């Protein structure tokens, strides 16, 4: 795990002092609302429906148990006893008092955390696979490159006021993409060229919101040492040419679409010629320095009692269900990757209490080298658990509400805070999520349905990523009433796709019945081994649409 050096700590501490002064001047009337707006956004502070919301940066989703305990303390002391995991792997507090925000930032700085560039028109938190570094079949650990991008992008003087917010993801897995890489402004895939050299495929122009677009390949192979100079070139072209007159058309995806990918790529290539081999080129020494923070953990050579473990699975169906859904294969024999789900019935997806944060820290200390990860799907991961300790971990996780065996299933949904908190939302998301959780609480039925991504957003900003859910739900306003539009066929994997709107929207009290109808078509139409997305792509939207809008006899 990357640890701050004296320079890192100094700039974070100085930012805390700076924002404390800015907040005091705003509260005393010396700064207007307009003047304070960009200052608070640069420090992760939003004005929501009922209170400010503070978004804390969690670079590439990695936290220590010490940091988790600090988040628990902040939730208890400055909030209402809980926090929220976002789809960008960050942590949000929904009820801080504005005068206390500088104190929260000071608390965060004491454990090497901050809220810098978690909002505003700048480069946001860089994300990656939550199983990075421990999962089989990845080429290399992508986290060092995320850290390099973090250091490059933080306080970058050219890119503090971009036309619009900017998001980057890095993926190194050869088959899966748990980071939704192709739905980012820049998506980076780690690859080897024909000579066996390590480098990157660079995709540009992905994103959700009002105009969802899958990113396009603009660089087939970028050598490892050229990562930052090429990113500089892409951002410069965007900064110079991106629209600033209309925020709905300001994302880089609109620029790429307007110019055409070939013309955009040529502009970047021409700009890159001025930067290539310059001061931004990564040296072998710098690469080694950063990679040195992500060395393998102190794994033991384990001789697990496979017979005893198999017996545990056979004798306890609940443990077996959890193991089959929430445990993934680790690249080191005898270890496993465990996902702690934050999707228990009756809990808004992604919410976690202060007590749960403390428990998660204890679990990380006991079972996973004192580290934990937050995920794009709004869950937590213990990446290095001994197989022999899985049963004990499961029992403890179950008591804390972390062991719902629904990972990747219908009720493991992504959901934004919606109209319960967000001033931008057209409708509430959480009540729809809760109704669906309650209707589809039968685990046997969920396991029979298999993998289904259901994502819910309260508005077109798509914080709940509804566009890339196999089933997507979007809250809309119809003459002051809350309605919900359904889309089908979205996907965030290597073969990413944008969902297609099913038809007219539905009232909230119709949603569970409509989703049930959609699932019934899937059950009838699927062939053995098919996921929902596979069946949808094979049979098309028509049978789902006909069933959803059919009148009851």
Protein backbone atom coordinates (compact mmCIF):
# COMPACT_ATOMS: atom_id res chain seq x y z
CA UNK A 1 0.00 0.00 0.00
CA UNK A 2 1.32 3.43 -0.89
CA UNK A 3 2.39 5.48 2.15
CA UNK A 4 2.74 9.25 2.07
CA UNK A 5 6.22 10.70 2.14
CA UNK A 6 6.90 14.06 3.78
CA UNK A 7 5.98 15.92 0.60
CA UNK A 8 2.61 14.16 0.27
CA UNK A 9 1.76 14.87 3.88
CA UNK A 10 2.80 18.49 3.63
CA UNK A 11 0.59 19.32 0.66
CA UNK A 12 -2.41 17.62 2.25
CA UNK A 13 -1.85 19.43 5.56
CA UNK A 14 -1.43 22.76 3.76
CA UNK A 15 -4.69 22.20 1.89
CA UNK A 16 -6.50 21.61 5.21
CA UNK A 17 -5.18 24.90 6.59
CA UNK A 18 -6.07 26.70 3.38
CA UNK A 19 -9.64 25.42 3.31
CA UNK A 20 -10.14 26.20 7.00
CA UNK A 21 -9.36 29.83 6.25
CA UNK A 22 -11.61 29.84 3.17
CA UNK A 23 -14.51 28.34 5.13
CA UNK A 24 -14.16 30.86 7.94
CA UNK A 25 -14.13 33.73 5.43
CA UNK A 26 -17.24 32.35 3.73
CA UNK A 27 -19.10 31.93 7.03
CA UNK A 28 -18.17 35.48 8.05
CA UNK A 29 -19.45 36.88 4.76
CA UNK A 30 -16.08 37.81 3.27
CA UNK A 31 -16.52 35.28 0.45
CA UNK A 32 -19.71 35.10 -1.60
CA UNK A 33 -21.48 31.86 -2.49
CA UNK A 34 -20.14 32.20 -6.03
CA UNK A 35 -16.57 32.67 -4.78
CA UNK A 36 -16.81 29.79 -2.32
CA UNK A 37 -18.31 27.33 -4.82
CA UNK A 38 -15.09 26.31 -6.66
CA UNK A 39 -13.17 26.26 -3.37
CA UNK A 40 -15.52 23.81 -1.68
CA UNK A 41 -15.80 21.65 -4.79
CA UNK A 42 -12.02 21.30 -4.92
CA UNK A 43 -12.28 19.88 -1.42
CA UNK A 44 -15.06 17.38 -2.09
CA UNK A 45 -17.87 19.38 -0.54
CA UNK A 46 -21.31 19.45 -2.18
CA UNK A 47 -24.49 21.19 -1.12
CA UNK A 48 -27.17 18.49 -1.08
CA UNK A 49 -30.90 18.58 -0.44
CA UNK A 50 -30.72 18.76 3.35
CA UNK A 51 -27.07 19.15 4.31
CA UNK A 52 -23.59 19.30 2.80
CA UNK A 53 -22.11 16.06 1.48
CA UNK A 54 -18.40 15.41 1.85
CA UNK A 55 -16.76 12.94 -0.52
CA UNK A 56 -13.51 11.38 0.71
CA UNK A 57 -10.97 10.11 -1.81
CA UNK A 58 -10.06 6.42 -1.68
CA UNK A 59 -7.45 6.04 -4.44
CA UNK A 60 -8.11 2.84 -6.42
CA UNK A 61 -10.28 1.66 -3.52
CA UNK A 62 -7.47 0.73 -1.11
CA UNK A 63 -7.64 1.52 2.62
CA UNK A 64 -5.87 0.44 5.79
CA UNK A 65 -7.64 -0.65 8.97
CA UNK A 66 -6.37 2.56 10.59
CA UNK A 67 -8.11 4.62 7.92
CA UNK A 68 -11.33 2.61 8.33
CA UNK A 69 -11.38 3.33 12.05
CA UNK A 70 -10.89 7.02 11.34
CA UNK A 71 -13.88 6.93 8.96
CA UNK A 72 -15.90 5.24 11.69
CA UNK A 73 -14.89 7.99 14.13
CA UNK A 74 -15.90 10.69 11.65
CA UNK A 75 -19.27 9.01 11.05
CA UNK A 76 -19.95 8.95 14.80
CA UNK A 77 -18.58 12.40 15.63
CA UNK A 78 -19.52 14.56 12.67
CA UNK A 79 -22.31 12.68 10.88
CA UNK A 80 -25.32 10.51 11.76
CA UNK A 81 -23.44 7.30 12.35
CA UNK A 82 -22.93 5.99 8.85
CA UNK A 83 -21.11 6.52 5.56
CA UNK A 84 -21.75 5.60 1.94
CA UNK A 85 -19.49 3.79 -0.55
CA UNK A 86 -19.73 5.36 -4.00
CA UNK A 87 -19.32 3.74 -7.42
CA UNK A 88 -15.99 5.55 -7.69
CA UNK A 89 -14.80 3.61 -4.60
CA UNK A 90 -14.87 6.81 -2.54
CA UNK A 91 -16.55 7.30 0.84
CA UNK A 92 -19.29 9.89 1.33
CA UNK A 93 -20.67 11.54 4.45
CA UNK A 94 -24.18 12.93 3.97
CA UNK A 95 -24.71 15.03 7.09
CA UNK A 96 -21.61 17.03 8.06
CA UNK A 97 -22.01 20.57 9.36
CA UNK A 98 -20.19 23.10 7.18
CA UNK A 99 -18.21 24.73 10.05
CA UNK A 100 -16.90 21.30 11.02
CA UNK A 101 -15.73 20.23 7.55
CA UNK A 102 -12.19 21.65 8.03
CA UNK A 103 -11.96 19.60 11.25
CA UNK A 104 -13.02 16.48 9.34
CA UNK A 105 -10.36 17.16 6.72
CA UNK A 106 -7.76 17.53 9.47
CA UNK A 107 -8.85 14.18 10.93
CA UNK A 108 -8.50 12.60 7.49
CA UNK A 109 -5.06 14.10 6.95
CA UNK A 110 -3.87 12.49 10.19
CA UNK A 111 -4.34 9.06 8.54
CA UNK A 112 -3.15 10.02 5.04
CA UNK A 113 -6.59 10.68 3.56
CA UNK A 114 -8.20 13.73 1.98
CA UNK A 115 -11.09 14.94 -0.17
CA UNK A 116 -9.02 16.73 -2.81
CA UNK A 117 -10.40 16.55 -6.37
CA UNK A 118 -13.34 14.34 -5.48
CA UNK A 119 -15.56 16.96 -7.10
CA UNK A 120 -15.24 19.88 -9.49
CA UNK A 121 -14.07 20.00 -13.09
CA UNK A 122 -10.80 18.20 -12.54
CA UNK A 123 -9.30 14.71 -12.76
CA UNK A 124 -11.18 12.60 -10.23
CA UNK A 125 -10.21 9.45 -8.34
CA UNK A 126 -8.53 6.87 -10.59
CA UNK A 127 -10.09 3.42 -10.22
CA UNK A 128 -9.20 -0.17 -11.02
CA UNK A 129 -10.16 -3.80 -10.41
CA UNK A 130 -10.96 -4.41 -6.73
CA UNK A 131 -9.06 -7.72 -7.02
CA UNK A 132 -5.93 -6.07 -8.43
CA UNK A 133 -2.67 -7.70 -7.44
CA UNK A 134 -4.21 -10.91 -6.12
CA UNK A 135 -6.41 -12.27 -8.87
CA UNK A 136 -5.11 -14.87 -11.34
CA UNK A 137 -4.92 -14.03 -15.05
CA UNK A 138 -3.95 -10.36 -14.70
CA UNK A 139 -0.84 -9.30 -16.58
CA UNK A 140 0.58 -7.16 -13.77
CA UNK A 141 -0.73 -5.34 -10.73
CA UNK A 142 -2.40 -2.17 -12.12
CA UNK A 143 -2.33 -0.25 -8.83
CA UNK A 144 1.17 1.24 -9.30
CA UNK A 145 -0.04 2.89 -12.50
CA UNK A 146 -3.12 4.21 -10.67
CA UNK A 147 -0.82 5.67 -8.03
CA UNK A 148 1.38 7.24 -10.69
CA UNK A 149 -1.70 8.82 -12.27
CA UNK A 150 -2.88 10.00 -8.84
CA UNK A 151 0.39 11.77 -8.14
CA UNK A 152 0.51 13.28 -11.62
CA UNK A 153 -3.10 14.49 -11.57
CA UNK A 154 -3.28 15.87 -8.02
CA UNK A 155 -2.87 19.66 -8.16
CA UNK A 156 -1.85 19.46 -11.82
CA UNK A 157 -1.74 23.18 -12.69
CA UNK A 158 -3.07 22.78 -16.24
CA UNK A 159 -6.04 20.60 -15.36
CA UNK A 160 -7.58 22.20 -12.27
CA UNK A 161 -10.40 23.80 -14.28
CA UNK A 162 -11.25 21.47 -17.14
CA UNK A 163 -14.41 21.93 -19.22
CA UNK A 164 -15.99 19.16 -17.10
CA UNK A 165 -15.11 16.44 -14.60
CA UNK A 166 -12.69 13.76 -15.83
CA UNK A 167 -12.43 10.09 -14.88
CA UNK A 168 -9.74 7.48 -15.56
CA UNK A 169 -9.75 3.71 -14.98
CA UNK A 170 -6.99 1.11 -15.40
CA UNK A 171 -7.52 -2.60 -16.03
CA UNK A 172 -4.97 -5.41 -16.24
CA UNK A 173 -7.14 -8.52 -16.32
CA UNK A 174 -7.09 -10.50 -19.54
CA UNK A 175 -10.74 -11.62 -19.43
CA UNK A 176 -12.74 -9.52 -16.97
CA UNK A 177 -13.23 -5.80 -16.44
CA UNK A 178 -14.53 -5.06 -12.97
CA UNK A 179 -13.59 -1.36 -13.29
CA UNK A 180 -15.95 -0.51 -16.19
CA UNK A 181 -12.88 0.77 -18.03
CA UNK A 182 -14.64 1.49 -21.33
CA UNK A 183 -17.15 3.81 -19.67
CA UNK A 184 -14.51 6.35 -18.63
CA UNK A 185 -13.13 9.53 -20.16
CA UNK A 186 -9.88 7.59 -20.45
CA UNK A 187 -9.78 3.83 -20.12
CA UNK A 188 -6.37 2.19 -19.89
CA UNK A 189 -5.86 -1.52 -20.58
CA UNK A 190 -2.49 -3.00 -19.70
CA UNK A 191 -1.20 -5.20 -22.52
CA UNK A 192 1.90 -6.79 -24.01
CA UNK A 193 2.86 -6.08 -27.62
CA UNK A 194 4.15 -8.68 -30.06
CA UNK A 195 7.68 -8.20 -28.70
CA UNK A 196 6.47 -8.96 -25.18
CA UNK A 197 6.93 -5.39 -23.97
CA UNK A 198 4.55 -4.02 -21.37
CA UNK A 199 2.39 -1.07 -22.32
CA UNK A 200 -1.14 0.22 -22.64
CA UNK A 201 -4.10 0.37 -24.95
CA UNK A 202 -5.70 3.78 -24.47
CA UNK A 203 -9.43 4.30 -24.94
CA UNK A 204 -10.96 7.78 -24.86
CA UNK A 205 -14.45 9.23 -24.82
CA UNK A 206 -16.48 6.90 -22.65
CA UNK A 207 -18.96 8.05 -20.07
CA UNK A 208 -22.54 7.94 -18.83
CA UNK A 209 -24.81 10.87 -17.91
CA UNK A 210 -27.13 12.39 -20.52
CA UNK A 211 -25.15 11.01 -23.44
CA UNK A 212 -23.86 7.53 -22.58
CA UNK A 213 -21.02 6.40 -24.87
CA UNK A 214 -18.57 3.50 -24.87
CA UNK A 215 -14.96 4.68 -25.22
CA UNK A 216 -13.04 4.23 -28.47
CA UNK A 217 -9.50 2.95 -28.92
CA UNK A 218 -7.17 5.83 -29.83
CA UNK A 219 -3.77 4.25 -29.12
CA UNK A 220 -3.11 0.60 -29.89
CA UNK A 221 0.11 0.39 -27.90
CA UNK A 222 1.64 3.00 -25.61
CA UNK A 223 5.01 2.08 -24.06
CA UNK A 224 5.06 1.98 -20.26
CA UNK A 225 7.41 4.94 -19.85
CA UNK A 226 5.17 7.18 -21.97
CA UNK A 227 2.03 6.88 -19.86
CA UNK A 228 2.02 10.38 -18.39
CA UNK A 229 3.21 12.27 -21.43
CA UNK A 230 0.42 10.72 -23.52
CA UNK A 231 -2.20 11.43 -20.85
CA UNK A 232 -0.92 15.00 -20.79
CA UNK A 233 -1.48 15.22 -24.54
CA UNK A 234 -5.04 13.89 -24.30
CA UNK A 235 -5.93 16.30 -21.49
CA UNK A 236 -4.36 19.25 -23.31
CA UNK A 237 -6.42 18.62 -26.44
CA UNK A 238 -9.55 18.33 -24.31
CA UNK A 239 -8.72 21.43 -22.28
CA UNK A 240 -8.15 23.47 -25.42
CA UNK A 241 -11.07 22.19 -27.48
CA UNK A 242 -13.72 20.97 -25.04
CA UNK A 243 -16.90 23.02 -24.84
CA UNK A 244 -17.34 25.39 -21.93
CA UNK A 245 -20.57 27.05 -23.06
CA UNK A 246 -22.81 24.08 -22.25
CA UNK A 247 -22.03 21.75 -19.34
CA UNK A 248 -24.17 19.00 -20.89
CA UNK A 249 -21.88 18.97 -23.91
CA UNK A 250 -18.60 19.59 -22.12
CA UNK A 251 -17.34 16.03 -21.54
CA UNK A 252 -14.52 14.70 -23.68
CA UNK A 253 -16.88 12.10 -25.18
CA UNK A 254 -18.72 14.94 -26.96
CA UNK A 255 -15.45 16.32 -28.31
CA UNK A 256 -14.35 12.91 -29.63
CA UNK A 257 -17.74 12.40 -31.24
CA UNK A 258 -17.77 15.88 -32.81
CA UNK A 259 -14.26 15.64 -34.24
CA UNK A 260 -14.34 11.96 -35.09
CA UNK A 261 -12.02 9.51 -33.38
CA UNK A 262 -9.39 9.60 -36.14
CA UNK A 263 -9.17 13.40 -36.11
CA UNK A 264 -9.07 13.45 -32.32
CA UNK A 265 -6.35 10.81 -32.20
CA UNK A 266 -4.26 12.80 -34.69
CA UNK A 267 -4.55 15.96 -32.60
CA UNK A 268 -3.38 14.01 -29.57
CA UNK A 269 -0.54 12.41 -31.50
CA UNK A 270 0.64 15.79 -32.78
CA UNK A 271 0.52 17.27 -29.28
CA UNK A 272 2.30 14.23 -27.88
CA UNK A 273 5.29 14.84 -30.15
CA UNK A 274 6.03 17.97 -28.08
CA UNK A 275 5.89 15.98 -24.83
CA UNK A 276 7.29 12.58 -25.74
CA UNK A 277 10.71 11.85 -24.16
CA UNK A 278 10.36 15.03 -22.11
CA UNK A 279 10.43 15.56 -18.34
CA UNK A 280 7.17 13.65 -17.89
CA UNK A 281 8.66 10.41 -19.19
CA UNK A 282 8.64 7.71 -16.51
CA UNK A 283 12.10 6.51 -15.59
CA UNK A 284 12.87 2.96 -14.55
CA UNK A 285 13.81 4.31 -11.12
CA UNK A 286 10.47 6.04 -10.62
CA UNK A 287 8.54 3.01 -11.83
CA UNK A 288 10.49 0.82 -9.42
CA UNK A 289 9.87 3.27 -6.55
CA UNK A 290 6.12 3.24 -7.00
CA UNK A 291 5.92 -0.50 -7.67
CA UNK A 292 7.89 -1.04 -4.46
CA UNK A 293 4.83 0.09 -2.49
CA UNK A 294 2.78 -2.77 -3.95
CA UNK A 295 4.93 -5.81 -3.30
CA UNK A 296 3.35 -9.13 -2.38
CA UNK A 297 2.13 -9.54 1.17
CA UNK A 298 3.96 -11.82 3.58
CA UNK A 299 2.12 -14.93 2.43
CA UNK A 300 2.70 -18.22 4.18
CA UNK A 301 3.23 -21.55 2.46
CA UNK A 302 -0.01 -23.25 3.43
CA UNK A 303 -1.00 -26.88 3.54
CA UNK A 304 -4.75 -26.59 3.92
CA UNK A 305 -6.83 -29.52 5.08
CA UNK A 306 -8.96 -29.81 1.94
CA UNK A 307 -11.01 -32.68 3.36
CA UNK A 308 -12.00 -30.67 6.42
CA UNK A 309 -12.85 -27.62 4.32
CA UNK A 310 -14.95 -29.69 1.93
CA UNK A 311 -16.79 -31.12 4.92
CA UNK A 312 -17.52 -27.61 6.23
CA UNK A 313 -19.07 -26.72 2.90
CA UNK A 314 -21.09 -29.94 2.76
CA UNK A 315 -22.44 -29.62 6.29
CA UNK A 316 -23.45 -25.95 6.16
CA UNK A 317 -25.54 -24.82 3.20
CA UNK A 318 -25.46 -21.16 4.26
CA UNK A 319 -21.66 -21.19 4.40
CA UNK A 320 -21.52 -23.00 1.06
CA UNK A 321 -23.83 -20.43 -0.58
CA UNK A 322 -21.69 -17.60 0.75
CA UNK A 323 -18.48 -19.29 -0.36
CA UNK A 324 -19.80 -19.89 -3.88
CA UNK A 325 -20.99 -16.31 -4.33
CA UNK A 326 -18.70 -14.11 -2.24
CA UNK A 327 -15.32 -15.86 -2.43
CA UNK A 328 -12.99 -15.66 -5.44
CA UNK A 329 -9.85 -17.54 -6.37
CA UNK A 330 -6.56 -16.05 -5.18
CA UNK A 331 -3.33 -16.34 -7.16
CA UNK A 332 -1.49 -17.66 -4.09
CA UNK A 333 -2.40 -21.24 -3.12
CA UNK A 334 -4.23 -21.49 0.17
CA UNK A 335 -5.57 -17.92 0.09
CA UNK A 336 -8.90 -16.51 -1.08
CA UNK A 337 -10.47 -13.16 -2.01
CA UNK A 338 -13.56 -12.34 0.05
CA UNK A 339 -16.20 -9.74 -0.75
CA UNK A 340 -18.13 -8.30 2.19
CA UNK A 341 -21.48 -7.30 0.72
CA UNK A 342 -23.19 -4.06 1.77
CA UNK A 343 -26.54 -5.18 0.36
CA UNK A 344 -28.39 -6.66 3.31
CA UNK A 345 -32.19 -6.50 3.18
CA UNK A 346 -33.40 -3.21 4.63
CA UNK A 347 -30.10 -1.38 4.11
CA UNK A 348 -29.63 1.16 1.29
CA UNK A 349 -27.02 -0.28 -1.11
CA UNK A 350 -23.53 0.92 -0.23
CA UNK A 351 -24.39 2.30 3.21
CA UNK A 352 -22.20 1.26 6.14
CA UNK A 353 -22.55 2.21 9.81
CA UNK A 354 -19.81 3.43 12.10
CA UNK A 355 -19.97 0.13 14.00
CA UNK A 356 -19.65 -1.84 10.75
CA UNK A 357 -16.64 0.26 9.75
CA UNK A 358 -15.00 -0.67 13.04
CA UNK A 359 -15.85 -4.34 12.53
CA UNK A 360 -14.49 -4.23 8.99
CA UNK A 361 -11.24 -2.79 10.35
CA UNK A 362 -11.04 -5.61 12.91
CA UNK A 363 -11.66 -8.20 10.18
CA UNK A 364 -8.95 -6.64 8.02
CA UNK A 365 -6.51 -6.82 10.93
CA UNK A 366 -7.28 -10.43 11.73
CA UNK A 367 -7.71 -11.88 8.28
CA UNK A 368 -6.21 -9.69 5.54
CA UNK A 369 -2.94 -7.93 6.46
CA UNK A 370 -4.80 -4.88 7.83
CA UNK A 371 -6.01 -3.77 4.39
CA UNK A 372 -9.45 -3.56 2.81
CA UNK A 373 -10.81 -2.38 -0.54
CA UNK A 374 -13.96 -0.58 -1.62
CA UNK A 375 -15.50 -1.53 -4.95
CA UNK A 376 -17.29 -0.06 -7.94
CA UNK A 377 -20.30 -2.20 -6.93
CA UNK A 378 -20.41 -0.50 -3.50
CA UNK A 379 -19.06 -3.43 -1.48
CA UNK A 380 -15.85 -4.14 0.48
CA UNK A 381 -13.12 -6.71 -0.21
CA UNK A 382 -10.68 -8.58 2.02
CA UNK A 383 -8.12 -9.60 -0.57
CA UNK A 384 -5.83 -12.00 1.33
CA UNK A 385 -7.76 -14.46 3.51
CA UNK A 386 -6.45 -17.91 4.35
CA UNK A 387 -8.83 -20.62 3.16
CA UNK A 388 -8.59 -22.25 6.58
CA UNK A 389 -10.02 -19.08 8.16
CA UNK A 390 -12.95 -18.59 5.80
CA UNK A 391 -15.50 -20.28 8.06
CA UNK A 392 -14.58 -18.13 11.06
CA UNK A 393 -14.57 -15.01 8.91
CA UNK A 394 -17.99 -15.89 7.52
CA UNK A 395 -19.45 -16.26 11.01
CA UNK A 396 -18.10 -12.87 12.07
CA UNK A 397 -19.13 -11.20 8.82
CA UNK A 398 -22.64 -12.61 9.17
CA UNK A 399 -23.04 -11.06 12.62
CA UNK A 400 -21.96 -7.69 11.23
CA UNK A 401 -24.37 -7.83 8.25
CA UNK A 402 -21.60 -8.35 5.68
CA UNK A 403 -22.37 -11.91 4.56
CA UNK A 404 -25.44 -11.73 2.34
CA UNK A 405 -24.55 -14.32 -0.34
CA UNK A 406 -25.82 -12.23 -3.25
CA UNK A 407 -22.64 -10.96 -4.91
CA UNK A 408 -23.34 -10.42 -8.60
CA UNK A 409 -27.02 -11.31 -8.19
CA UNK A 410 -30.11 -9.17 -8.64
CA UNK A 411 -30.14 -7.66 -5.14
CA UNK A 412 -26.42 -6.78 -5.27
CA UNK A 413 -27.57 -3.63 -6.98
CA UNK A 414 -25.80 -0.33 -7.53
CA UNK A 415 -27.87 2.59 -6.29
CA UNK A 416 -27.20 6.31 -5.94
CA UNK A 417 -28.55 8.21 -2.88
CA UNK A 418 -31.25 9.72 -5.11
CA UNK A 419 -33.91 12.17 -4.01
CA UNK A 420 -33.54 11.28 -0.34
CA UNK A 421 -30.33 13.34 -0.33
CA UNK A 422 -29.33 14.73 -3.72
CA UNK A 423 -30.67 18.10 -4.83
CA UNK A 424 -30.20 17.11 -8.48
CA UNK A 425 -32.32 13.96 -8.33
CA UNK A 426 -35.69 13.76 -10.08
CA UNK A 427 -36.82 10.80 -7.99
CA UNK A 428 -35.88 8.68 -5.01
CA UNK A 429 -33.69 5.64 -5.63
CA UNK A 430 -33.47 4.05 -2.20
CA UNK A 431 -37.20 3.16 -1.81
CA UNK A 432 -37.12 1.37 -5.18
CA UNK A 433 -34.02 -0.54 -4.13
CA UNK A 434 -35.62 -1.50 -0.83
CA UNK A 435 -38.81 -2.68 -2.54
CA UNK A 436 -36.82 -4.84 -4.95
CA UNK A 437 -34.71 -6.24 -2.12
CA UNK A 438 -37.87 -7.20 -0.26
CA UNK A 439 -39.66 -8.70 -3.28
CA UNK A 440 -36.65 -10.77 -4.37
CA UNK A 441 -35.39 -11.88 -0.98
CA UNK A 442 -35.51 -15.60 -1.82
CA UNK A 443 -31.86 -16.62 -2.16
CA UNK A 444 -32.67 -19.86 -3.98
CA UNK A 445 -34.54 -17.86 -6.61
CA UNK A 446 -31.72 -15.33 -6.89
CA UNK A 447 -29.11 -18.06 -7.31
CA UNK A 448 -31.28 -19.70 -9.96
CA UNK A 449 -31.48 -16.41 -11.89
CA UNK A 450 -27.70 -16.11 -11.76
CA UNK A 451 -25.67 -13.03 -12.62
CA UNK A 452 -27.77 -9.90 -13.13
CA UNK A 453 -26.56 -6.31 -12.78
CA UNK A 454 -29.41 -4.03 -11.68
CA UNK A 455 -28.45 -0.36 -11.37
CA UNK A 456 -30.60 2.55 -10.16
CA UNK A 457 -30.08 6.29 -10.72
CA UNK A 458 -32.22 9.12 -9.41
CA UNK A 459 -31.47 11.39 -12.39
CA UNK A 460 -29.73 11.59 -15.77
CA UNK A 461 -26.37 12.28 -14.14
CA UNK A 462 -26.29 8.48 -13.79
CA UNK A 463 -24.44 8.22 -10.48
CA UNK A 464 -26.09 4.81 -10.15
CA UNK A 465 -24.76 3.76 -13.58
CA UNK A 466 -28.20 2.71 -14.82
CA UNK A 467 -27.02 2.84 -18.44
CA UNK A 468 -24.73 -0.15 -17.92
CA UNK A 469 -26.99 -2.31 -15.80
CA UNK A 470 -28.32 -5.45 -17.44
CA UNK A 471 -31.47 -3.89 -16.01
CA UNK A 472 -31.25 -0.14 -15.51
CA UNK A 473 -33.72 2.05 -13.64
CA UNK A 474 -33.78 5.85 -14.04
CA UNK A 475 -35.88 8.18 -11.92
CA UNK A 476 -37.74 10.81 -13.95
CA UNK A 477 -40.09 13.66 -13.10
CA UNK A 478 -43.52 13.70 -14.75
CA UNK A 479 -45.39 16.86 -13.78
CA UNK A 480 -44.02 16.75 -10.25
CA UNK A 481 -44.57 13.01 -9.74
CA UNK A 482 -41.81 10.41 -9.48
CA UNK A 483 -41.71 7.84 -12.29
CA UNK A 484 -39.09 5.32 -13.38
CA UNK A 485 -37.75 4.49 -16.83
CA UNK A 486 -36.32 1.02 -17.48
CA UNK A 487 -33.49 0.15 -19.86
CA UNK A 488 -32.20 -3.31 -20.73
CA UNK A 489 -28.97 -4.66 -22.16
CA UNK A 490 -26.34 -2.49 -20.54
CA UNK A 491 -23.03 -4.06 -19.63
CA UNK A 492 -19.75 -2.82 -18.13
CA UNK A 493 -17.40 -5.66 -19.09
CA UNK A 494 -14.86 -5.92 -21.91
CA UNK A 495 -17.80 -6.07 -24.36
CA UNK A 496 -19.41 -3.00 -22.82
CA UNK A 497 -22.79 -1.82 -24.08
CA UNK A 498 -25.32 0.89 -23.28
CA UNK A 499 -28.80 -0.20 -22.27
CA UNK A 500 -31.77 0.48 -24.53
CA UNK A 501 -34.84 2.22 -23.08
CA UNK A 502 -37.75 -0.21 -22.83
CA UNK A 503 -40.55 2.33 -23.28
CA UNK A 504 -42.66 4.74 -21.23
CA UNK A 505 -41.87 5.10 -17.54
CA UNK A 506 -43.67 3.40 -14.66
CA UNK A 507 -44.98 4.64 -11.32
CA UNK A 508 -42.99 3.60 -8.26
CA UNK A 509 -45.62 1.15 -7.03
CA UNK A 510 -45.47 -0.68 -10.37
CA UNK A 511 -41.73 -1.26 -10.35
CA UNK A 512 -41.48 -4.58 -8.53
CA UNK A 513 -44.20 -6.14 -10.72
CA UNK A 514 -42.55 -4.86 -13.91
CA UNK A 515 -39.14 -6.23 -12.91
CA UNK A 516 -40.79 -9.55 -12.07
CA UNK A 517 -42.33 -9.65 -15.55
CA UNK A 518 -38.94 -8.95 -17.14
CA UNK A 519 -37.35 -11.73 -15.12
CA UNK A 520 -40.11 -14.15 -16.10
CA UNK A 521 -39.27 -13.60 -19.77
CA UNK A 522 -35.62 -14.31 -19.02
CA UNK A 523 -36.49 -17.56 -17.21
CA UNK A 524 -38.66 -18.67 -20.13
CA UNK A 525 -36.24 -17.70 -22.89
CA UNK A 526 -32.80 -18.57 -21.53
CA UNK A 527 -30.85 -21.62 -22.53
CA UNK A 528 -28.68 -23.48 -20.06
CA UNK A 529 -25.70 -21.49 -18.84
CA UNK A 530 -26.93 -18.13 -20.13
CA UNK A 531 -26.76 -14.96 -18.06
CA UNK A 532 -29.49 -12.35 -18.35
CA UNK A 533 -27.33 -10.22 -20.65
CA UNK A 534 -26.66 -13.21 -22.92
CA UNK A 535 -30.36 -14.01 -23.26
CA UNK A 536 -31.24 -10.38 -23.88
CA UNK A 537 -28.65 -10.06 -26.62
CA UNK A 538 -29.87 -13.28 -28.25
CA UNK A 539 -33.64 -12.69 -28.20
CA UNK A 540 -33.69 -8.89 -28.32
CA UNK A 541 -35.89 -6.43 -26.48
CA UNK A 542 -39.29 -7.22 -27.98
CA UNK A 543 -40.39 -10.12 -25.72
CA UNK A 544 -39.38 -8.16 -22.61
CA UNK A 545 -41.22 -5.06 -23.80
CA UNK A 546 -44.38 -6.96 -24.69
CA UNK A 547 -44.51 -8.60 -21.27
CA UNK A 548 -43.72 -5.44 -19.33
CA UNK A 549 -46.50 -3.42 -20.96
CA UNK A 550 -49.06 -6.21 -21.24
CA UNK A 551 -52.33 -5.41 -19.49
CA UNK A 552 -53.44 -7.81 -16.77
CA UNK A 553 -56.49 -9.88 -17.69
